[in-house]
Every structure is written in C-alpha cells, then in structure tokens.
N, C-alpha and C. Protein backbone atom coordinates (compact mmCIF):
# COMPACT_ATOMS: atom_id res chain seq x y z
N MET A 1 -10.44 10.35 -2.78
CA MET A 1 -11.43 11.26 -3.17
C MET A 1 -10.91 12.68 -2.93
N GLY A 2 -10.99 13.53 -3.97
CA GLY A 2 -10.49 14.89 -3.86
C GLY A 2 -11.42 15.77 -3.04
N THR A 3 -10.94 17.01 -2.80
CA THR A 3 -11.72 17.95 -2.00
C THR A 3 -13.07 18.29 -2.63
N VAL A 4 -13.04 18.54 -3.92
CA VAL A 4 -14.31 18.86 -4.62
C VAL A 4 -15.26 17.67 -4.56
N ASP A 5 -14.71 16.47 -4.74
CA ASP A 5 -15.56 15.28 -4.70
C ASP A 5 -16.17 15.10 -3.31
N LYS A 6 -15.42 15.39 -2.26
CA LYS A 6 -15.93 15.29 -0.92
C LYS A 6 -17.08 16.29 -0.72
N ILE A 7 -16.88 17.47 -1.23
CA ILE A 7 -17.91 18.53 -1.09
C ILE A 7 -19.18 18.07 -1.85
N LYS A 8 -18.98 17.55 -3.04
CA LYS A 8 -20.14 17.08 -3.82
C LYS A 8 -20.84 15.92 -3.12
N TYR A 9 -20.07 15.02 -2.51
CA TYR A 9 -20.64 13.89 -1.80
C TYR A 9 -21.46 14.37 -0.57
N LEU A 10 -20.87 15.29 0.19
CA LEU A 10 -21.59 15.83 1.35
C LEU A 10 -22.86 16.53 0.94
N ALA A 11 -22.76 17.28 -0.17
CA ALA A 11 -23.98 18.01 -0.66
C ALA A 11 -25.02 17.04 -1.08
N ALA A 12 -24.63 15.95 -1.74
CA ALA A 12 -25.62 14.93 -2.15
C ALA A 12 -26.19 14.17 -0.95
N THR A 13 -25.42 13.99 0.05
CA THR A 13 -25.84 13.24 1.22
C THR A 13 -26.76 14.07 2.13
N PHE A 14 -26.39 15.31 2.42
CA PHE A 14 -27.14 16.07 3.37
C PHE A 14 -28.12 17.09 2.71
N GLY A 15 -28.07 17.16 1.41
CA GLY A 15 -28.98 18.07 0.70
C GLY A 15 -28.25 19.23 0.09
N ILE A 16 -28.55 19.49 -1.15
CA ILE A 16 -27.85 20.53 -1.88
C ILE A 16 -28.18 21.92 -1.37
N ARG A 17 -29.29 22.10 -0.70
CA ARG A 17 -29.71 23.42 -0.22
C ARG A 17 -28.86 23.91 0.97
N LYS A 18 -28.18 22.98 1.63
CA LYS A 18 -27.36 23.38 2.77
C LYS A 18 -25.95 23.78 2.42
N PHE A 19 -25.59 23.65 1.13
CA PHE A 19 -24.26 23.97 0.67
C PHE A 19 -24.29 24.94 -0.49
N TYR A 20 -23.27 25.75 -0.53
CA TYR A 20 -23.05 26.60 -1.73
C TYR A 20 -21.89 26.03 -2.48
N TYR A 21 -22.11 25.72 -3.77
CA TYR A 21 -21.05 25.15 -4.57
C TYR A 21 -20.69 26.14 -5.66
N GLY A 22 -19.49 26.71 -5.57
CA GLY A 22 -19.06 27.69 -6.53
C GLY A 22 -18.74 27.06 -7.87
N ARG A 23 -18.96 27.84 -8.93
CA ARG A 23 -18.75 27.32 -10.29
C ARG A 23 -17.25 27.39 -10.67
N GLN A 24 -16.49 28.29 -10.14
CA GLN A 24 -15.12 28.43 -10.54
C GLN A 24 -14.23 27.42 -9.79
N LEU A 25 -13.18 26.99 -10.49
CA LEU A 25 -12.25 26.06 -9.86
C LEU A 25 -11.23 26.84 -9.04
N PHE A 26 -10.95 26.41 -7.85
CA PHE A 26 -9.95 27.12 -7.05
C PHE A 26 -8.76 26.22 -6.69
N PHE A 27 -8.67 25.08 -7.28
CA PHE A 27 -7.47 24.27 -7.13
C PHE A 27 -7.20 23.59 -8.45
N PHE A 28 -5.92 23.21 -8.62
CA PHE A 28 -5.51 22.60 -9.87
C PHE A 28 -5.38 21.07 -9.65
N GLN A 29 -5.71 20.35 -10.66
CA GLN A 29 -5.61 18.91 -10.53
C GLN A 29 -4.46 18.47 -11.39
N ASN A 30 -3.41 17.91 -10.80
CA ASN A 30 -2.23 17.50 -11.49
C ASN A 30 -2.39 16.07 -11.93
N LEU A 31 -1.80 15.79 -13.07
CA LEU A 31 -1.88 14.46 -13.65
C LEU A 31 -0.47 14.09 -14.12
N GLY A 32 0.03 12.99 -13.65
CA GLY A 32 1.37 12.59 -14.02
C GLY A 32 1.41 11.14 -14.48
N ILE A 33 2.18 10.89 -15.53
CA ILE A 33 2.34 9.53 -16.04
C ILE A 33 3.84 9.37 -16.34
N ALA A 34 4.41 8.26 -15.87
CA ALA A 34 5.87 8.02 -16.06
C ALA A 34 6.14 7.56 -17.47
N ILE A 35 7.08 8.21 -18.12
CA ILE A 35 7.55 7.78 -19.45
C ILE A 35 9.06 7.82 -19.40
N PRO A 36 9.76 7.09 -20.25
CA PRO A 36 11.23 7.07 -20.23
C PRO A 36 11.81 8.44 -20.61
N THR A 37 12.99 8.74 -20.08
CA THR A 37 13.67 9.98 -20.42
C THR A 37 14.04 9.98 -21.88
N GLY A 38 13.78 11.10 -22.55
CA GLY A 38 14.10 11.23 -23.98
C GLY A 38 13.22 10.41 -24.88
N ALA A 39 12.02 10.05 -24.45
CA ALA A 39 11.10 9.27 -25.28
C ALA A 39 10.67 10.11 -26.51
N PRO A 40 10.71 9.52 -27.68
CA PRO A 40 10.36 10.30 -28.91
C PRO A 40 8.86 10.66 -28.98
N PHE A 41 8.06 10.01 -28.25
CA PHE A 41 6.60 10.27 -28.29
C PHE A 41 6.14 11.26 -27.26
N LYS A 42 7.04 11.83 -26.45
CA LYS A 42 6.66 12.71 -25.36
C LYS A 42 5.85 13.90 -25.83
N GLY A 43 6.27 14.58 -26.92
CA GLY A 43 5.52 15.72 -27.41
C GLY A 43 4.13 15.38 -27.84
N HIS A 44 4.02 14.31 -28.61
CA HIS A 44 2.66 13.87 -29.06
C HIS A 44 1.82 13.45 -27.87
N PHE A 45 2.41 12.78 -26.90
CA PHE A 45 1.67 12.33 -25.72
C PHE A 45 1.16 13.56 -24.94
N ASN A 46 2.01 14.56 -24.78
CA ASN A 46 1.60 15.74 -24.06
C ASN A 46 0.47 16.46 -24.78
N ARG A 47 0.49 16.53 -26.09
CA ARG A 47 -0.58 17.16 -26.84
C ARG A 47 -1.90 16.38 -26.68
N VAL A 48 -1.85 15.07 -26.76
CA VAL A 48 -3.08 14.26 -26.59
C VAL A 48 -3.60 14.41 -25.15
N LEU A 49 -2.71 14.41 -24.21
CA LEU A 49 -3.12 14.58 -22.82
C LEU A 49 -3.79 15.92 -22.59
N ALA A 50 -3.21 16.96 -23.16
CA ALA A 50 -3.80 18.32 -23.07
C ALA A 50 -5.14 18.37 -23.73
N GLN A 51 -5.30 17.68 -24.88
CA GLN A 51 -6.63 17.64 -25.56
C GLN A 51 -7.66 16.93 -24.73
N ILE A 52 -7.24 15.87 -24.03
CA ILE A 52 -8.21 15.16 -23.18
C ILE A 52 -8.69 16.04 -22.03
N ILE A 53 -7.75 16.77 -21.42
CA ILE A 53 -8.12 17.64 -20.29
C ILE A 53 -8.92 18.83 -20.78
N GLU A 54 -8.53 19.47 -21.88
CA GLU A 54 -9.22 20.65 -22.37
C GLU A 54 -10.55 20.34 -22.96
N SER A 55 -10.77 19.15 -23.49
CA SER A 55 -12.05 18.79 -24.05
C SER A 55 -13.16 18.53 -23.04
N GLY A 56 -12.72 18.34 -21.79
CA GLY A 56 -13.72 18.12 -20.72
C GLY A 56 -13.97 16.65 -20.45
N ILE A 57 -13.30 15.77 -21.11
CA ILE A 57 -13.48 14.31 -20.85
C ILE A 57 -13.09 13.99 -19.43
N PHE A 58 -12.01 14.58 -18.94
CA PHE A 58 -11.54 14.34 -17.60
C PHE A 58 -12.59 14.75 -16.58
N VAL A 59 -13.22 15.93 -16.79
CA VAL A 59 -14.28 16.37 -15.87
C VAL A 59 -15.45 15.44 -15.94
N LYS A 60 -15.78 14.95 -17.17
CA LYS A 60 -16.93 14.04 -17.29
C LYS A 60 -16.65 12.74 -16.58
N TRP A 61 -15.41 12.19 -16.69
CA TRP A 61 -15.04 11.00 -15.96
C TRP A 61 -15.20 11.25 -14.44
N SER A 62 -14.74 12.38 -13.98
CA SER A 62 -14.86 12.72 -12.59
C SER A 62 -16.33 12.75 -12.11
N ASN A 63 -17.14 13.38 -12.91
CA ASN A 63 -18.61 13.45 -12.58
C ASN A 63 -19.24 12.11 -12.61
N ASP A 64 -18.87 11.26 -13.59
CA ASP A 64 -19.41 9.89 -13.67
C ASP A 64 -19.06 9.12 -12.42
N GLU A 65 -17.79 9.26 -11.95
CA GLU A 65 -17.38 8.52 -10.76
C GLU A 65 -18.10 9.07 -9.56
N PHE A 66 -18.37 10.36 -9.52
CA PHE A 66 -19.10 10.94 -8.39
C PHE A 66 -20.50 10.34 -8.35
N PHE A 67 -21.16 10.18 -9.49
CA PHE A 67 -22.50 9.59 -9.48
C PHE A 67 -22.48 8.11 -9.08
N LYS A 68 -21.37 7.41 -9.42
CA LYS A 68 -21.25 6.07 -8.97
C LYS A 68 -21.10 5.99 -7.45
N VAL A 69 -20.32 6.91 -6.89
CA VAL A 69 -20.11 6.89 -5.43
C VAL A 69 -21.40 7.20 -4.69
N THR A 70 -22.12 8.19 -5.15
CA THR A 70 -23.35 8.58 -4.46
C THR A 70 -24.53 7.70 -4.85
N ASN A 71 -24.33 6.79 -5.79
CA ASN A 71 -25.35 5.85 -6.26
C ASN A 71 -26.53 6.59 -6.91
N ALA A 72 -26.28 7.87 -7.37
CA ALA A 72 -27.37 8.59 -8.04
C ALA A 72 -27.60 8.05 -9.42
N GLY A 73 -26.60 7.48 -10.07
CA GLY A 73 -26.76 7.03 -11.41
C GLY A 73 -26.90 5.52 -11.50
N GLY A 74 -26.94 4.82 -10.39
CA GLY A 74 -27.02 3.37 -10.40
C GLY A 74 -28.36 2.85 -9.99
N ASP A 75 -28.56 1.55 -10.14
CA ASP A 75 -29.79 0.94 -9.68
C ASP A 75 -29.50 0.12 -8.38
N ASP A 76 -30.49 -0.55 -7.93
CA ASP A 76 -30.35 -1.31 -6.67
C ASP A 76 -29.42 -2.48 -6.79
N ASP A 77 -29.23 -3.02 -8.03
CA ASP A 77 -28.35 -4.16 -8.23
C ASP A 77 -26.86 -3.81 -8.07
N SER A 78 -26.55 -2.52 -8.14
CA SER A 78 -25.13 -2.14 -8.09
C SER A 78 -24.60 -1.95 -6.67
N LYS A 79 -25.45 -2.22 -5.66
CA LYS A 79 -25.00 -2.06 -4.29
C LYS A 79 -24.03 -3.20 -3.92
N SER A 80 -23.16 -2.91 -2.99
CA SER A 80 -22.16 -3.89 -2.57
C SER A 80 -22.86 -4.99 -1.77
N MET A 81 -22.30 -6.19 -1.88
CA MET A 81 -22.83 -7.29 -1.10
C MET A 81 -21.65 -8.24 -0.74
N ALA A 82 -21.85 -9.02 0.27
CA ALA A 82 -20.80 -9.92 0.74
C ALA A 82 -20.67 -11.09 -0.24
N ILE A 83 -19.43 -11.59 -0.38
CA ILE A 83 -19.20 -12.72 -1.27
C ILE A 83 -19.44 -13.99 -0.42
N THR A 84 -20.21 -14.93 -0.93
CA THR A 84 -20.49 -16.14 -0.24
C THR A 84 -19.80 -17.29 -0.95
N LEU A 85 -19.95 -18.50 -0.38
CA LEU A 85 -19.35 -19.68 -1.00
C LEU A 85 -19.98 -19.96 -2.35
N THR A 86 -21.22 -19.58 -2.55
CA THR A 86 -21.87 -19.81 -3.81
C THR A 86 -21.19 -19.03 -4.94
N HIS A 87 -20.69 -17.81 -4.59
CA HIS A 87 -19.97 -16.97 -5.59
C HIS A 87 -18.61 -17.63 -5.92
N LEU A 88 -18.03 -18.31 -4.98
CA LEU A 88 -16.71 -18.88 -5.17
C LEU A 88 -16.71 -20.38 -5.59
N GLN A 89 -17.89 -20.89 -5.89
CA GLN A 89 -18.05 -22.29 -6.25
C GLN A 89 -17.21 -22.69 -7.45
N ALA A 90 -17.19 -21.89 -8.45
CA ALA A 90 -16.40 -22.23 -9.67
C ALA A 90 -14.92 -22.29 -9.34
N ALA A 91 -14.43 -21.41 -8.51
CA ALA A 91 -13.03 -21.40 -8.13
C ALA A 91 -12.65 -22.68 -7.40
N PHE A 92 -13.54 -23.17 -6.51
CA PHE A 92 -13.28 -24.40 -5.79
C PHE A 92 -13.27 -25.61 -6.74
N PHE A 93 -14.19 -25.59 -7.73
CA PHE A 93 -14.19 -26.68 -8.70
C PHE A 93 -12.91 -26.69 -9.52
N VAL A 94 -12.40 -25.57 -9.88
CA VAL A 94 -11.14 -25.49 -10.65
C VAL A 94 -9.97 -26.02 -9.81
N ILE A 95 -9.96 -25.65 -8.53
CA ILE A 95 -8.86 -26.12 -7.65
C ILE A 95 -8.96 -27.64 -7.47
N VAL A 96 -10.13 -28.13 -7.21
CA VAL A 96 -10.27 -29.60 -7.06
C VAL A 96 -9.90 -30.34 -8.34
N LEU A 97 -10.31 -29.84 -9.47
CA LEU A 97 -9.96 -30.43 -10.75
C LEU A 97 -8.45 -30.45 -10.93
N GLY A 98 -7.78 -29.37 -10.57
CA GLY A 98 -6.31 -29.28 -10.66
C GLY A 98 -5.65 -30.32 -9.77
N TYR A 99 -6.14 -30.45 -8.53
CA TYR A 99 -5.59 -31.44 -7.62
C TYR A 99 -5.77 -32.85 -8.15
N LEU A 100 -6.95 -33.13 -8.72
CA LEU A 100 -7.19 -34.44 -9.28
C LEU A 100 -6.27 -34.75 -10.46
N LEU A 101 -6.08 -33.78 -11.34
CA LEU A 101 -5.18 -33.96 -12.50
C LEU A 101 -3.76 -34.13 -12.04
N ALA A 102 -3.35 -33.42 -10.99
CA ALA A 102 -2.00 -33.58 -10.47
C ALA A 102 -1.80 -34.96 -9.86
N ALA A 103 -2.79 -35.42 -9.11
CA ALA A 103 -2.70 -36.76 -8.51
C ALA A 103 -2.67 -37.81 -9.58
N LEU A 104 -3.49 -37.67 -10.65
CA LEU A 104 -3.50 -38.63 -11.73
C LEU A 104 -2.15 -38.68 -12.46
N SER A 105 -1.60 -37.51 -12.73
CA SER A 105 -0.26 -37.47 -13.44
C SER A 105 0.79 -38.03 -12.52
N LEU A 106 0.74 -37.87 -11.21
CA LEU A 106 1.71 -38.46 -10.32
C LEU A 106 1.60 -39.99 -10.33
N CYS A 107 0.36 -40.47 -10.32
CA CYS A 107 0.19 -41.98 -10.38
C CYS A 107 0.72 -42.51 -11.67
N ILE A 108 0.43 -41.90 -12.80
CA ILE A 108 0.91 -42.38 -14.10
C ILE A 108 2.42 -42.32 -14.14
N GLU A 109 3.04 -41.26 -13.58
CA GLU A 109 4.50 -41.18 -13.56
C GLU A 109 5.10 -42.31 -12.72
N ASN A 110 4.49 -42.57 -11.57
CA ASN A 110 5.05 -43.68 -10.73
C ASN A 110 4.87 -45.02 -11.40
N ILE A 111 3.73 -45.25 -12.05
CA ILE A 111 3.58 -46.52 -12.76
C ILE A 111 4.57 -46.62 -13.90
N ALA A 112 4.81 -45.58 -14.65
CA ALA A 112 5.75 -45.59 -15.76
C ALA A 112 7.17 -45.80 -15.21
N ALA A 113 7.49 -45.22 -14.11
CA ALA A 113 8.82 -45.41 -13.53
C ALA A 113 9.03 -46.84 -13.04
N PHE A 114 7.98 -47.40 -12.49
CA PHE A 114 8.03 -48.76 -12.02
C PHE A 114 8.32 -49.76 -13.15
N PHE A 115 7.64 -49.57 -14.28
CA PHE A 115 7.81 -50.53 -15.41
C PHE A 115 9.11 -50.26 -16.17
N THR A 116 9.68 -49.06 -16.14
CA THR A 116 10.92 -48.82 -16.87
C THR A 116 12.11 -49.25 -16.03
N ARG A 117 12.02 -49.44 -14.73
CA ARG A 117 13.15 -49.90 -13.88
C ARG A 117 13.45 -51.40 -14.08
N ARG A 118 12.56 -52.16 -14.59
CA ARG A 118 12.72 -53.56 -14.74
C ARG A 118 13.72 -53.94 -15.73
C-alpha cells in the first residue's frame, strides 16, 4: 500500500475530519514492465501506457482498490472468512477419485502382465 493509500485508509478509519488531504500530488508513481531489448512494439507500448495513465484509468483503479480495502464499496458478503473442510470438499473428492483410478489402472496392469507372461 502506497503512502497516499495509507493516508486515505487512516482518514477513512479515524474520520475524514481529523485529516487534511491535499488535492495536489507530491510524489510520482513509477510503473515498470519488462520487455525484451530492441522490441519493435516498445514505442506503441509506451504510447498506450501513457494514454492509460493520462486518461485517469490508473487513478480510478487505485481508488477502486482503496474502496475495496476500506470495505466502503463492498457488502457484508465480501468480508474474509476462514476456509473450512466444507469449502475443500470438492478437492478431496478429486484426490480420492484420482487415487481410485490409479489403483484400478495398477490392478489392470498387473493382471495384464500376469496373463502375458504365460
């Protein structure tokens, strides 16, 4: 979480009246993505990335994530909860089914090997 996000979170937690939030940006947010050296699409990629940042989509994404963190934009169903065995029931069924299929194929292979040795 960045500095501005921490300030927004504290303001939302303790009350907006206790904080002054300036409108101007006083730090820069760097964005880096690895691409191969001499890539022919680098110029186009840089233009698209600049359009994303200048259009305000990046700021909107940041604000959306802020509302998710503070749960201002969510409902009660979005709260975290512990995973129980009921949630993992399907995974256990898949594992047991895999073990059964493996055991069945081993038995079939042993029976086939027994009859082909004669």
